[in-house]
PDB file of N, CA and C in Angstrom:
ATOM      1  N   MET A   1       7.011  22.572 -13.044  1.00  0.00           N
ATOM      2  CA  MET A   1       7.436  23.090 -14.460  1.00  0.00           C
ATOM      3  C   MET A   1       8.828  22.407 -14.736  1.00  0.00           C
ATOM      4  N   GLU A   2       9.044  22.078 -15.944  1.00  0.00           N
ATOM      5  CA  GLU A   2      10.261  21.617 -16.335  1.00  0.00           C
ATOM      6  C   GLU A   2      11.409  22.781 -16.622  1.00  0.00           C
ATOM      7  N   HIS A   3      12.539  22.357 -16.604  1.00  0.00           N
ATOM      8  CA  HIS A   3      13.593  23.560 -16.909  1.00  0.00           C
ATOM      9  C   HIS A   3      14.592  22.930 -17.728  1.00  0.00           C
ATOM     10  N   TYR A   4      14.737  22.989 -19.035  1.00  0.00           N
ATOM     11  CA  TYR A   4      15.661  22.508 -20.002  1.00  0.00           C
ATOM     12  C   TYR A   4      17.216  22.949 -19.831  1.00  0.00           C
ATOM     13  N   GLY A   5      17.359  24.183 -19.450  1.00  0.00           N
ATOM     14  CA  GLY A   5      18.619  24.845 -19.344  1.00  0.00           C
ATOM     15  C   GLY A   5      18.576  26.336 -19.426  1.00  0.00           C
ATOM     16  N   ASP A   6      19.909  26.759 -19.452  1.00  0.00           N
ATOM     17  CA  ASP A   6      20.179  28.316 -19.608  1.00  0.00           C
ATOM     18  C   ASP A   6      20.663  28.693 -20.777  1.00  0.00           C
ATOM     19  N   ILE A   7      20.416  29.789 -21.254  1.00  0.00           N
ATOM     20  CA  ILE A   7      21.185  30.485 -22.411  1.00  0.00           C
ATOM     21  C   ILE A   7      21.927  31.788 -21.796  1.00  0.00           C
ATOM     22  N   VAL A   8      23.274  31.959 -22.014  1.00  0.00           N
ATOM     23  CA  VAL A   8      24.037  33.026 -21.486  1.00  0.00           C
ATOM     24  C   VAL A   8      24.318  33.803 -22.709  1.00  0.00           C
ATOM     25  N   ALA A   9      23.903  35.192 -22.676  1.00  0.00           N
ATOM     26  CA  ALA A   9      24.068  36.020 -23.708  1.00  0.00           C
ATOM     27  C   ALA A   9      24.608  37.338 -23.214  1.00  0.00           C
ATOM     28  N   ASP A  10      25.170  38.120 -24.122  1.00  0.00           N
ATOM     29  CA  ASP A  10      25.415  39.502 -23.765  1.00  0.00           C
ATOM     30  C   ASP A  10      24.248  40.471 -24.150  1.00  0.00           C
ATOM     31  N   LYS A  11      24.367  41.576 -23.735  1.00  0.00           N
ATOM     32  CA  LYS A  11      23.195  42.654 -23.885  1.00  0.00           C
ATOM     33  C   LYS A  11      22.954  42.680 -25.498  1.00  0.00           C
ATOM     34  N   GLY A  12      23.868  42.497 -26.313  1.00  0.00           N
ATOM     35  CA  GLY A  12      23.719  42.997 -27.604  1.00  0.00           C
ATOM     36  C   GLY A  12      23.024  41.798 -28.408  1.00  0.00           C
ATOM     37  N   PHE A  13      22.684  40.720 -27.903  1.00  0.00           N
ATOM     38  CA  PHE A  13      22.105  39.773 -28.778  1.00  0.00           C
ATOM     39  C   PHE A  13      20.563  39.939 -28.711  1.00  0.00           C
ATOM     40  N   MET A  14      19.966  39.527 -29.782  1.00  0.00           N
ATOM     41  CA  MET A  14      18.478  39.778 -29.978  1.00  0.00           C
ATOM     42  C   MET A  14      17.771  38.479 -29.593  1.00  0.00           C
ATOM     43  N   ILE A  15      17.662  38.155 -28.162  1.00  0.00           N
ATOM     44  CA  ILE A  15      17.012  36.845 -27.767  1.00  0.00           C
ATOM     45  C   ILE A  15      16.021  37.385 -26.888  1.00  0.00           C
ATOM     46  N   HIS A  16      14.597  36.895 -27.190  1.00  0.00           N
ATOM     47  CA  HIS A  16      13.545  37.530 -26.476  1.00  0.00           C
ATOM     48  C   HIS A  16      13.225  36.474 -25.220  1.00  0.00           C
ATOM     49  N   LYS A  17      12.869  37.044 -24.287  1.00  0.00           N
ATOM     50  CA  LYS A  17      12.628  35.941 -22.927  1.00  0.00           C
ATOM     51  C   LYS A  17      11.449  35.350 -23.231  1.00  0.00           C
ATOM     52  N   ASP A  18      10.594  35.744 -23.867  1.00  0.00           N
ATOM     53  CA  ASP A  18       9.344  35.059 -23.976  1.00  0.00           C
ATOM     54  C   ASP A  18       9.437  33.867 -24.961  1.00  0.00           C
ATOM     55  N   CYS A  19      10.294  33.705 -25.814  1.00  0.00           N
ATOM     56  CA  CYS A  19      10.740  32.759 -26.746  1.00  0.00           C
ATOM     57  C   CYS A  19      11.474  31.599 -25.847  1.00  0.00           C
ATOM     58  N   CYS A  20      12.266  32.020 -24.880  1.00  0.00           N
ATOM     59  CA  CYS A  20      12.983  31.047 -24.038  1.00  0.00           C
ATOM     60  C   CYS A  20      11.862  30.485 -23.172  1.00  0.00           C
ATOM     61  N   GLY A  21      11.096  31.331 -22.606  1.00  0.00           N
ATOM     62  CA  GLY A  21      10.175  30.734 -21.706  1.00  0.00           C
ATOM     63  C   GLY A  21       9.408  29.744 -22.220  1.00  0.00           C
ATOM     64  N   ALA A  22       8.973  29.869 -23.657  1.00  0.00           N
ATOM     65  CA  ALA A  22       7.907  28.905 -24.046  1.00  0.00           C
ATOM     66  C   ALA A  22       8.697  27.616 -24.121  1.00  0.00           C
ATOM     67  N   ARG A  23      10.003  27.618 -24.165  1.00  0.00           N
ATOM     68  CA  ARG A  23      10.757  26.417 -24.461  1.00  0.00           C
ATOM     69  C   ARG A  23      11.496  25.929 -23.087  1.00  0.00           C
ATOM     70  N   PHE A  24      10.919  26.645 -22.082  1.00  0.00           N
ATOM     71  CA  PHE A  24      11.394  26.151 -20.670  1.00  0.00           C
ATOM     72  C   PHE A  24      12.973  26.455 -20.564  1.00  0.00           C
ATOM     73  N   ILE A  25      13.396  27.458 -20.929  1.00  0.00           N
ATOM     74  CA  ILE A  25      15.011  27.753 -20.973  1.00  0.00           C
ATOM     75  C   ILE A  25      15.009  29.257 -20.238  1.00  0.00           C
ATOM     76  N   THR A  26      15.958  29.371 -19.462  1.00  0.00           N
ATOM     77  CA  THR A  26      16.270  30.597 -18.808  1.00  0.00           C
ATOM     78  C   THR A  26      17.240  31.457 -19.546  1.00  0.00           C
ATOM     79  N   LEU A  27      17.055  32.645 -19.837  1.00  0.00           N
ATOM     80  CA  LEU A  27      17.919  33.705 -20.248  1.00  0.00           C
ATOM     81  C   LEU A  27      18.579  34.352 -19.351  1.00  0.00           C
ATOM     82  N   GLN A  28      20.080  34.300 -19.373  1.00  0.00           N
ATOM     83  CA  GLN A  28      20.845  34.907 -18.389  1.00  0.00           C
ATOM     84  C   GLN A  28      21.550  36.085 -19.203  1.00  0.00           C
ATOM     85  N   ILE A  29      21.303  37.200 -18.796  1.00  0.00           N
ATOM     86  CA  ILE A  29      21.914  38.428 -19.347  1.00  0.00           C
ATOM     87  C   ILE A  29      22.567  39.274 -18.261  1.00  0.00           C
ATOM     88  N   PRO A  30      23.920  39.391 -18.150  1.00  0.00           N
ATOM     89  CA  PRO A  30      24.438  40.225 -17.147  1.00  0.00           C
ATOM     90  C   PRO A  30      23.868  41.703 -17.139  1.00  0.00           C
ATOM     91  N   SER A  31      23.666  42.240 -15.850  1.00  0.00           N
ATOM     92  CA  SER A  31      23.298  43.497 -15.774  1.00  0.00           C
ATOM     93  C   SER A  31      24.486  44.572 -15.872  1.00  0.00           C
ATOM     94  N   GLY A  32      24.045  45.666 -16.394  1.00  0.00           N
ATOM     95  CA  GLY A  32      25.106  46.666 -16.669  1.00  0.00           C
ATOM     96  C   GLY A  32      24.757  47.785 -15.597  1.00  0.00           C
ATOM     97  N   LYS A  33      25.424  48.651 -15.429  1.00  0.00           N
ATOM     98  CA  LYS A  33      25.336  49.742 -14.385  1.00  0.00           C
ATOM     99  C   LYS A  33      24.761  50.982 -14.915  1.00  0.00           C
ATOM    100  N   ARG A  34      24.636  51.044 -16.103  1.00  0.00           N
ATOM    101  CA  ARG A  34      23.801  52.046 -16.888  1.00  0.00           C
ATOM    102  C   ARG A  34      23.146  53.256 -16.046  1.00  0.00           C
ATOM    103  N   GLY A  35      23.937  54.332 -15.885  1.00  0.00           N
ATOM    104  CA  GLY A  35      23.367  55.439 -15.420  1.00  0.00           C
ATOM    105  C   GLY A  35      23.456  55.584 -13.745  1.00  0.00           C
ATOM    106  N   THR A  36      23.816  54.503 -13.173  1.00  0.00           N
ATOM    107  CA  THR A  36      24.013  54.398 -11.708  1.00  0.00           C
ATOM    108  C   THR A  36      25.471  54.492 -11.475  1.00  0.00           C
ATOM    109  N   ALA A  37      25.721  54.841 -10.190  1.00  0.00           N
ATOM    110  CA  ALA A  37      27.155  54.922  -9.780  1.00  0.00           C
ATOM    111  C   ALA A  37      27.637  53.525  -9.506  1.00  0.00           C
ATOM    112  N   GLN A  38      26.668  52.757  -8.920  1.00  0.00           N
ATOM    113  CA  GLN A  38      27.258  51.333  -8.508  1.00  0.00           C
ATOM    114  C   GLN A  38      26.130  50.351  -8.705  1.00  0.00           C
ATOM    115  N   MET A  39      26.567  49.069  -9.027  1.00  0.00           N
ATOM    116  CA  MET A  39      25.603  48.206  -9.185  1.00  0.00           C
ATOM    117  C   MET A  39      25.045  47.671  -7.656  1.00  0.00           C
ATOM    118  N   SER A  40      23.804  47.258  -7.797  1.00  0.00           N
ATOM    119  CA  SER A  40      23.316  46.632  -6.472  1.00  0.00           C
ATOM    120  C   SER A  40      23.997  45.279  -6.201  1.00  0.00           C
ATOM    121  N   MET A  41      23.843  44.810  -5.070  1.00  0.00           N
ATOM    122  CA  MET A  41      24.546  43.506  -4.604  1.00  0.00           C
ATOM    123  C   MET A  41      23.855  42.499  -5.332  1.00  0.00           C
ATOM    124  N   ASN A  42      22.611  42.467  -5.623  1.00  0.00           N
ATOM    125  CA  ASN A  42      22.141  41.399  -6.426  1.00  0.00           C
ATOM    126  C   ASN A  42      22.490  41.441  -7.959  1.00  0.00           C
ATOM    127  N   ASP A  43      22.609  42.363  -8.551  1.00  0.00           N
ATOM    128  CA  ASP A  43      23.096  42.571  -9.780  1.00  0.00           C
ATOM    129  C   ASP A  43      24.544  42.169  -9.816  1.00  0.00           C
ATOM    130  N   LEU A  44      25.399  42.493  -8.835  1.00  0.00           N
ATOM    131  CA  LEU A  44      26.721  42.148  -8.729  1.00  0.00           C
ATOM    132  C   LEU A  44      26.868  40.597  -8.646  1.00  0.00           C
ATOM    133  N   ASN A  45      25.969  39.901  -7.821  1.00  0.00           N
ATOM    134  CA  ASN A  45      26.115  38.668  -7.580  1.00  0.00           C
ATOM    135  C   ASN A  45      25.717  37.835  -8.968  1.00  0.00           C
ATOM    136  N   GLN A  46      24.702  38.196  -9.590  1.00  0.00           N
ATOM    137  CA  GLN A  46      24.235  37.654 -10.815  1.00  0.00           C
ATOM    138  C   GLN A  46      25.285  37.858 -11.859  1.00  0.00           C
ATOM    139  N   THR A  47      26.013  38.929 -12.029  1.00  0.00           N
ATOM    140  CA  THR A  47      26.848  39.287 -12.888  1.00  0.00           C
ATOM    141  C   THR A  47      28.252  38.289 -12.764  1.00  0.00           C
ATOM    142  N   LYS A  48      28.442  38.020 -11.468  1.00  0.00           N
ATOM    143  CA  LYS A  48      29.540  37.157 -11.199  1.00  0.00           C
ATOM    144  C   LYS A  48      29.349  35.793 -11.561  1.00  0.00           C
ATOM    145  N   GLN A  49      28.166  35.356 -11.360  1.00  0.00           N
ATOM    146  CA  GLN A  49      27.593  33.964 -11.669  1.00  0.00           C
ATOM    147  C   GLN A  49      27.733  33.666 -13.307  1.00  0.00           C
ATOM    148  N   VAL A  50      27.227  34.669 -13.869  1.00  0.00           N
ATOM    149  CA  VAL A  50      27.101  34.560 -15.320  1.00  0.00           C
ATOM    150  C   VAL A  50      28.670  34.728 -15.993  1.00  0.00           C
ATOM    151  N   ALA A  51      29.547  35.518 -15.295  1.00  0.00           N
ATOM    152  CA  ALA A  51      30.753  35.481 -15.941  1.00  0.00           C
ATOM    153  C   ALA A  51      31.404  34.269 -15.602  1.00  0.00           C
ATOM    154  N   THR A  52      31.280  33.618 -14.282  1.00  0.00           N
ATOM    155  CA  THR A  52      31.880  32.391 -14.137  1.00  0.00           C
ATOM    156  C   THR A  52      31.476  31.107 -15.155  1.00  0.00           C
ATOM    157  N   ILE A  53      30.210  31.123 -15.458  1.00  0.00           N
ATOM    158  CA  ILE A  53      29.788  30.356 -16.629  1.00  0.00           C
ATOM    159  C   ILE A  53      30.220  30.555 -17.792  1.00  0.00           C
ATOM    160  N   ARG A  54      30.425  31.708 -18.216  1.00  0.00           N
ATOM    161  CA  ARG A  54      30.896  32.181 -19.619  1.00  0.00           C
ATOM    162  C   ARG A  54      32.488  31.723 -19.628  1.00  0.00           C
ATOM    163  N   ILE A  55      33.287  31.904 -18.607  1.00  0.00           N
ATOM    164  CA  ILE A  55      34.443  31.460 -18.393  1.00  0.00           C
ATOM    165  C   ILE A  55      34.720  30.010 -18.779  1.00  0.00           C
ATOM    166  N   LEU A  56      33.898  29.097 -18.214  1.00  0.00           N
ATOM    167  CA  LEU A  56      33.697  27.733 -18.303  1.00  0.00           C
ATOM    168  C   LEU A  56      33.676  27.386 -19.645  1.00  0.00           C
ATOM    169  N   VAL A  57      32.559  27.993 -20.288  1.00  0.00           N
ATOM    170  CA  VAL A  57      32.122  27.608 -21.674  1.00  0.00           C
ATOM    171  C   VAL A  57      33.251  27.744 -22.551  1.00  0.00           C
ATOM    172  N   GLU A  58      33.748  29.068 -22.276  1.00  0.00           N
ATOM    173  CA  GLU A  58      35.083  29.484 -23.401  1.00  0.00           C
ATOM    174  C   GLU A  58      36.147  28.373 -23.009  1.00  0.00           C
ATOM    175  N   GLN A  59      36.440  27.843 -22.022  1.00  0.00           N
ATOM    176  CA  GLN A  59      37.537  26.969 -21.701  1.00  0.00           C
ATOM    177  C   GLN A  59      36.960  25.550 -22.319  1.00  0.00           C
ATOM    178  N   ILE A  60      35.821  25.148 -22.293  1.00  0.00           N
ATOM    179  CA  ILE A  60      35.429  24.033 -23.024  1.00  0.00           C
ATOM    180  C   ILE A  60      35.403  24.051 -24.440  1.00  0.00           C
ATOM    181  N   ILE A  61      34.967  25.276 -25.065  1.00  0.00           N
ATOM    182  CA  ILE A  61      35.194  25.517 -26.559  1.00  0.00           C
ATOM    183  C   ILE A  61      36.771  25.447 -26.838  1.00  0.00           C
ATOM    184  N   ARG A  62      37.557  26.122 -26.029  1.00  0.00           N
ATOM    185  CA  ARG A  62      39.038  25.877 -26.424  1.00  0.00           C
ATOM    186  C   ARG A  62      39.580  24.558 -26.330  1.00  0.00           C
ATOM    187  N   HIS A  63      39.135  23.742 -25.519  1.00  0.00           N
ATOM    188  CA  HIS A  63      39.463  22.410 -25.405  1.00  0.00           C
ATOM    189  C   HIS A  63      38.981  21.583 -26.643  1.00  0.00           C
ATOM    190  N   VAL A  64      37.764  21.812 -27.160  1.00  0.00           N
ATOM    191  CA  VAL A  64      37.218  21.055 -28.112  1.00  0.00           C
ATOM    192  C   VAL A  64      38.016  21.589 -29.439  1.00  0.00           C
ATOM    193  N   LYS A  65      38.498  22.723 -29.643  1.00  0.00           N
ATOM    194  CA  LYS A  65      39.200  23.074 -30.676  1.00  0.00           C
ATOM    195  C   LYS A  65      40.608  22.575 -30.627  1.00  0.00           C
ATOM    196  N   THR A  66      41.203  22.551 -29.409  1.00  0.00           N
ATOM    197  CA  THR A  66      42.483  22.128 -29.438  1.00  0.00           C
ATOM    198  C   THR A  66      42.829  20.760 -29.439  1.00  0.00           C
ATOM    199  N   PHE A  67      41.999  19.984 -28.923  1.00  0.00           N
ATOM    200  CA  PHE A  67      42.280  18.455 -28.812  1.00  0.00           C
ATOM    201  C   PHE A  67      41.223  17.803 -30.103  1.00  0.00           C
ATOM    202  N   ARG A  68      40.718  18.615 -30.670  1.00  0.00           N
ATOM    203  CA  ARG A  68      39.836  18.066 -32.027  1.00  0.00           C
ATOM    204  C   ARG A  68      38.930  17.087 -31.635  1.00  0.00           C
ATOM    205  N   ILE A  69      38.232  17.489 -30.404  1.00  0.00           N
ATOM    206  CA  ILE A  69      37.329  16.381 -30.170  1.00  0.00           C
ATOM    207  C   ILE A  69      36.113  16.083 -31.054  1.00  0.00           C
ATOM    208  N   LEU A  70      35.727  17.124 -31.677  1.00  0.00           N
ATOM    209  CA  LEU A  70      34.540  16.898 -32.587  1.00  0.00           C
ATOM    210  C   LEU A  70      35.246  16.971 -34.168  1.00  0.00           C
ATOM    211  N   LYS A  71      36.420  16.470 -34.465  1.00  0.00           N
ATOM    212  CA  LYS A  71      36.761  16.332 -35.699  1.00  0.00           C
ATOM    213  C   LYS A  71      36.188  15.531 -36.774  1.00  0.00           C
ATOM    214  N   TYR A  72      35.793  14.297 -36.097  1.00  0.00           N
ATOM    215  CA  TYR A  72      35.056  13.424 -36.908  1.00  0.00           C
ATOM    216  C   TYR A  72      33.731  13.320 -36.400  1.00  0.00           C
ATOM    217  N   ALA A  73      32.832  12.742 -37.264  1.00  0.00           N
ATOM    218  CA  ALA A  73      31.378  12.520 -36.920  1.00  0.00           C
ATOM    219  C   ALA A  73      31.310  11.706 -35.621  1.00  0.00           C
ATOM    220  N   MET A  74      30.266  11.897 -34.773  1.00  0.00           N
ATOM    221  CA  MET A  74      30.168  11.347 -33.771  1.00  0.00           C
ATOM    222  C   MET A  74      29.133   9.975 -33.922  1.00  0.00           C
ATOM    223  N   SER A  75      29.319   8.866 -33.504  1.00  0.00           N
ATOM    224  CA  SER A  75      28.411   7.849 -33.696  1.00  0.00           C
ATOM    225  C   SER A  75      27.012   8.149 -32.920  1.00  0.00           C
ATOM    226  N   ILE A  76      25.875   7.931 -33.455  1.00  0.00           N
ATOM    227  CA  ILE A  76      24.885   8.217 -32.745  1.00  0.00           C
ATOM    228  C   ILE A  76      24.714   7.280 -31.384  1.00  0.00           C
ATOM    229  N   TYR A  77      25.318   6.195 -31.266  1.00  0.00           N
ATOM    230  CA  TYR A  77      25.345   5.501 -29.902  1.00  0.00           C
ATOM    231  C   TYR A  77      26.091   6.187 -28.882  1.00  0.00           C
ATOM    232  N   LEU A  78      27.010   7.107 -29.318  1.00  0.00           N
ATOM    233  CA  LEU A  78      27.881   7.867 -28.152  1.00  0.00           C
ATOM    234  C   LEU A  78      27.201   9.056 -27.564  1.00  0.00           C
ATOM    235  N   ILE A  79      26.150   9.467 -28.367  1.00  0.00           N
ATOM    236  CA  ILE A  79      25.445  10.752 -28.045  1.00  0.00           C
ATOM    237  C   ILE A  79      25.041  10.876 -26.530  1.00  0.00           C
ATOM    238  N   GLY A  80      24.537   9.664 -26.000  1.00  0.00           N
ATOM    239  CA  GLY A  80      24.008   9.751 -24.551  1.00  0.00           C
ATOM    240  C   GLY A  80      25.149   9.926 -23.581  1.00  0.00           C
ATOM    241  N   LEU A  81      26.375   9.528 -24.009  1.00  0.00           N
ATOM    242  CA  LEU A  81      27.521   9.692 -23.227  1.00  0.00           C
ATOM    243  C   LEU A  81      28.315  11.036 -23.317  1.00  0.00           C
ATOM    244  N   SER A  82      27.745  11.867 -24.288  1.00  0.00           N
ATOM    245  CA  SER A  82      28.454  13.244 -24.568  1.00  0.00           C
ATOM    246  C   SER A  82      28.093  14.330 -23.517  1.00  0.00           C
ATOM    247  N   ASP A  83      26.878  14.144 -22.761  1.00  0.00           N
ATOM    248  CA  ASP A  83      26.339  15.083 -21.890  1.00  0.00           C
ATOM    249  C   ASP A  83      26.512  14.363 -20.352  1.00  0.00           C
ATOM    250  N   ASN A  84      27.615  13.830 -20.176  1.00  0.00           N
ATOM    251  CA  ASN A  84      27.871  13.519 -18.598  1.00  0.00           C
ATOM    252  C   ASN A  84      28.191  14.586 -17.620  1.00  0.00           C
ATOM    253  N   ARG A  85      27.306  14.910 -16.770  1.00  0.00           N
ATOM    254  CA  ARG A  85      27.372  16.038 -15.987  1.00  0.00           C
ATOM    255  C   ARG A  85      28.041  15.571 -14.651  1.00  0.00           C
TER     256      ARG A  85
END
């Protein structure tokens, strides 16, 4: 099965997992402790991973705004270079 990416969202967003699954996208929502004294180790590790990703995304957005990376229209010929991982 193909996997196109992940969506990271807070609990308040109305994104349904079945919509993501139909598009081969994984929905990542951090767990909350809701009613329990402590999070399980699995939930804690998942929350840490999601938090790390969110910090990176926020830093990238800040850089895009600060350095005005997308101030002008991007040539269609450069789109292939815009997603270098």
